[in-house]
Amino acid sequence: MNERFAAVYAKLINPKVSWDEPIKVLRSIGDFSDDLVAAIKEQIEAQNHVALTRLVHTVFLTANKKFTPFLCELLDNYRYDGLLEAIADVLIDIKDERAVLCHTHHSGPIAED
């Protein structure tokens, strides 16, 4: 994991910490997309939906199309209201036509946090 990403990671996933500081750091560290994927996978395994939602919101900083399949998988398998909104927002920012299938395929009940 990138040292600068690792240094801001705990603040990034902590809902008690202001969003501004970690975002400012992330904007300055270059490509952290691989670190972000690893962090999202870690939070999926931990079933920490609050942290996962904050991490998904961070994808907009990279707006990389490589996240589309990953976000679509999250949309299909992790059905929590705040997370669904975060995924939809980021997919719009990425502007990847593959996301259309993801949006139209999405169905079923939403779980409560």
C-alpha atoms as a PDB file:
ATOM      1  CA  MET A   1       0.000   0.000   0.000  1.00  0.00           C
ATOM      2  CA  ASN A   2       1.221   3.500  -0.894  1.00  0.00           C
ATOM      3  CA  GLU A   3       2.641   5.128   2.267  1.00  0.00           C
ATOM      4  CA  ARG A   4       0.666   8.332   1.815  1.00  0.00           C
ATOM      5  CA  PHE A   5      -2.561   6.421   1.210  1.00  0.00           C
ATOM      6  CA  ALA A   6      -1.897   4.244   4.256  1.00  0.00           C
ATOM      7  CA  ALA A   7      -1.310   7.349   6.374  1.00  0.00           C
ATOM      8  CA  VAL A   8      -4.708   8.835   5.492  1.00  0.00           C
ATOM      9  CA  TYR A   9      -6.661   5.555   5.326  1.00  0.00           C
ATOM     10  CA  ALA A  10      -7.790   5.484   8.986  1.00  0.00           C
ATOM     11  CA  LYS A  11      -9.088   9.048   8.712  1.00  0.00           C
ATOM     12  CA  LEU A  12     -10.757   8.309   5.413  1.00  0.00           C
ATOM     13  CA  ILE A  13     -12.884   5.472   6.792  1.00  0.00           C
ATOM     14  CA  ASN A  14     -13.681   7.143  10.126  1.00  0.00           C
ATOM     15  CA  PRO A  15     -17.104   8.839   9.945  1.00  0.00           C
ATOM     16  CA  LYS A  16     -16.140  11.119  12.861  1.00  0.00           C
ATOM     17  CA  VAL A  17     -13.326  12.684  10.845  1.00  0.00           C
ATOM     18  CA  SER A  18     -14.078  15.530   8.464  1.00  0.00           C
ATOM     19  CA  TRP A  19     -14.003  14.493   4.829  1.00  0.00           C
ATOM     20  CA  ASP A  20     -11.908  17.514   3.776  1.00  0.00           C
ATOM     21  CA  GLU A  21      -8.507  16.541   5.195  1.00  0.00           C
ATOM     22  CA  PRO A  22      -8.227  13.016   3.718  1.00  0.00           C
ATOM     23  CA  ILE A  23      -9.584  14.184   0.358  1.00  0.00           C
ATOM     24  CA  LYS A  24      -7.004  16.985   0.227  1.00  0.00           C
ATOM     25  CA  VAL A  25      -4.208  14.476   0.858  1.00  0.00           C
ATOM     26  CA  LEU A  26      -5.560  12.010  -1.708  1.00  0.00           C
ATOM     27  CA  ARG A  27      -5.704  14.721  -4.378  1.00  0.00           C
ATOM     28  CA  SER A  28      -1.958  15.216  -3.944  1.00  0.00           C
ATOM     29  CA  ILE A  29      -0.644  11.626  -3.996  1.00  0.00           C
ATOM     30  CA  GLY A  30      -1.118  10.650  -7.615  1.00  0.00           C
ATOM     31  CA  ASP A  31      -2.654   7.341  -8.660  1.00  0.00           C
ATOM     32  CA  PHE A  32      -3.938   5.512  -5.611  1.00  0.00           C
ATOM     33  CA  SER A  33      -6.544   3.400  -7.421  1.00  0.00           C
ATOM     34  CA  ASP A  34      -4.913   0.046  -6.583  1.00  0.00           C
ATOM     35  CA  ASP A  35      -4.738   1.042  -2.919  1.00  0.00           C
ATOM     36  CA  LEU A  36      -8.371   2.075  -3.042  1.00  0.00           C
ATOM     37  CA  VAL A  37      -9.423  -1.279  -4.505  1.00  0.00           C
ATOM     38  CA  ALA A  38      -7.508  -3.085  -1.738  1.00  0.00           C
ATOM     39  CA  ALA A  39      -9.103  -0.874   0.912  1.00  0.00           C
ATOM     40  CA  ILE A  40     -12.606  -1.467  -0.469  1.00  0.00           C
ATOM     41  CA  LYS A  41     -12.027  -5.229  -0.506  1.00  0.00           C
ATOM     42  CA  GLU A  42     -10.816  -5.037   3.114  1.00  0.00           C
ATOM     43  CA  GLN A  43     -13.966  -3.204   4.210  1.00  0.00           C
ATOM     44  CA  ILE A  44     -16.208  -5.631   2.298  1.00  0.00           C
ATOM     45  CA  GLU A  45     -14.603  -8.480   4.214  1.00  0.00           C
ATOM     46  CA  ALA A  46     -15.050  -6.588   7.484  1.00  0.00           C
ATOM     47  CA  GLN A  47     -18.676  -5.815   6.519  1.00  0.00           C
ATOM     48  CA  ASN A  48     -18.091  -2.196   7.507  1.00  0.00           C
ATOM     49  CA  HIS A  49     -20.719  -0.500   5.381  1.00  0.00           C
ATOM     50  CA  VAL A  50     -20.009   3.002   6.674  1.00  0.00           C
ATOM     51  CA  ALA A  51     -16.320   2.771   5.763  1.00  0.00           C
ATOM     52  CA  LEU A  52     -17.166   1.081   2.478  1.00  0.00           C
ATOM     53  CA  THR A  53     -19.527   3.900   1.551  1.00  0.00           C
ATOM     54  CA  ARG A  54     -16.870   6.520   2.313  1.00  0.00           C
ATOM     55  CA  LEU A  55     -14.326   4.624   0.209  1.00  0.00           C
ATOM     56  CA  VAL A  56     -16.716   4.294  -2.730  1.00  0.00           C
ATOM     57  CA  HIS A  57     -17.323   8.044  -2.594  1.00  0.00           C
ATOM     58  CA  THR A  58     -13.548   8.458  -2.946  1.00  0.00           C
ATOM     59  CA  VAL A  59     -13.528   6.718  -6.352  1.00  0.00           C
ATOM     60  CA  PHE A  60     -14.636  10.008  -7.947  1.00  0.00           C
ATOM     61  CA  LEU A  61     -11.077  11.281  -7.437  1.00  0.00           C
ATOM     62  CA  THR A  62      -9.777   8.703  -9.891  1.00  0.00           C
ATOM     63  CA  ALA A  63     -12.875   8.382 -12.139  1.00  0.00           C
ATOM     64  CA  ASN A  64     -11.136   5.389 -13.659  1.00  0.00           C
ATOM     65  CA  LYS A  65     -13.181   2.996 -15.801  1.00  0.00           C
ATOM     66  CA  LYS A  66     -11.392   0.055 -14.220  1.00  0.00           C
ATOM     67  CA  PHE A  67     -13.721   0.556 -11.239  1.00  0.00           C
ATOM     68  CA  THR A  68     -16.896  -0.045 -13.282  1.00  0.00           C
ATOM     69  CA  PRO A  69     -17.022  -3.854 -13.027  1.00  0.00           C
ATOM     70  CA  PHE A  70     -16.059  -3.689  -9.370  1.00  0.00           C
ATOM     71  CA  LEU A  71     -18.754  -1.098  -8.592  1.00  0.00           C
ATOM     72  CA  CYS A  72     -21.354  -3.103 -10.502  1.00  0.00           C
ATOM     73  CA  GLU A  73     -20.485  -6.151  -8.410  1.00  0.00           C
ATOM     74  CA  LEU A  74     -20.940  -4.077  -5.263  1.00  0.00           C
ATOM     75  CA  LEU A  75     -24.262  -2.799  -6.565  1.00  0.00           C
ATOM     76  CA  ASP A  76     -25.469  -6.364  -7.085  1.00  0.00           C
ATOM     77  CA  ASN A  77     -24.163  -7.833  -3.832  1.00  0.00           C
ATOM     78  CA  TYR A  78     -24.051  -5.132  -1.155  1.00  0.00           C
ATOM     79  CA  ARG A  79     -27.504  -3.613  -0.981  1.00  0.00           C
ATOM     80  CA  TYR A  80     -27.365  -0.867   1.631  1.00  0.00           C
ATOM     81  CA  ASP A  81     -29.106   2.411   0.899  1.00  0.00           C
ATOM     82  CA  GLY A  82     -26.170   4.804   1.466  1.00  0.00           C
ATOM     83  CA  LEU A  83     -23.825   2.518  -0.444  1.00  0.00           C
ATOM     84  CA  LEU A  84     -26.203   2.229  -3.400  1.00  0.00           C
ATOM     85  CA  GLU A  85     -26.365   6.008  -3.675  1.00  0.00           C
ATOM     86  CA  ALA A  86     -22.568   6.311  -3.494  1.00  0.00           C
ATOM     87  CA  ILE A  87     -22.123   3.696  -6.227  1.00  0.00           C
ATOM     88  CA  ALA A  88     -24.670   5.365  -8.504  1.00  0.00           C
ATOM     89  CA  ASP A  89     -22.992   8.760  -8.040  1.00  0.00           C
ATOM     90  CA  VAL A  90     -19.538   7.399  -8.831  1.00  0.00           C
ATOM     91  CA  LEU A  91     -20.729   5.433 -11.876  1.00  0.00           C
ATOM     92  CA  ILE A  92     -22.129   8.680 -13.274  1.00  0.00           C
ATOM     93  CA  ASP A  93     -18.744  10.386 -12.721  1.00  0.00           C
ATOM     94  CA  ILE A  94     -16.866   7.544 -14.434  1.00  0.00           C
ATOM     95  CA  LYS A  95     -19.022   7.814 -17.584  1.00  0.00           C
ATOM     96  CA  ASP A  96     -18.541   4.204 -18.657  1.00  0.00           C
ATOM     97  CA  GLU A  97     -21.182   2.711 -20.959  1.00  0.00           C
ATOM     98  CA  ARG A  98     -20.736  -0.667 -19.227  1.00  0.00           C
ATOM     99  CA  ALA A  99     -22.475   0.838 -16.194  1.00  0.00           C
ATOM    100  CA  VAL A 100     -25.780   1.004 -18.086  1.00  0.00           C
ATOM    101  CA  LEU A 101     -26.224  -2.769 -17.810  1.00  0.00           C
ATOM    102  CA  CYS A 102     -25.322  -2.562 -14.167  1.00  0.00           C
ATOM    103  CA  HIS A 103     -28.046   0.034 -13.513  1.00  0.00           C
ATOM    104  CA  THR A 104     -30.736  -1.781 -15.493  1.00  0.00           C
ATOM    105  CA  HIS A 105     -29.886  -5.164 -13.962  1.00  0.00           C
ATOM    106  CA  HIS A 106     -30.187  -3.811 -10.422  1.00  0.00           C
ATOM    107  CA  SER A 107     -33.329  -5.097  -8.654  1.00  0.00           C
ATOM    108  CA  GLY A 108     -34.561  -6.402  -5.320  1.00  0.00           C
ATOM    109  CA  PRO A 109     -35.094  -5.094  -1.778  1.00  0.00           C
ATOM    110  CA  ILE A 110     -32.700  -2.752  -0.033  1.00  0.00           C
ATOM    111  CA  ALA A 111     -31.421  -3.781   3.404  1.00  0.00           C
ATOM    112  CA  GLU A 112     -31.521  -1.360   6.302  1.00  0.00           C
ATOM    113  CA  ASP A 113     -28.245  -0.463   8.091  1.00  0.00           C
END
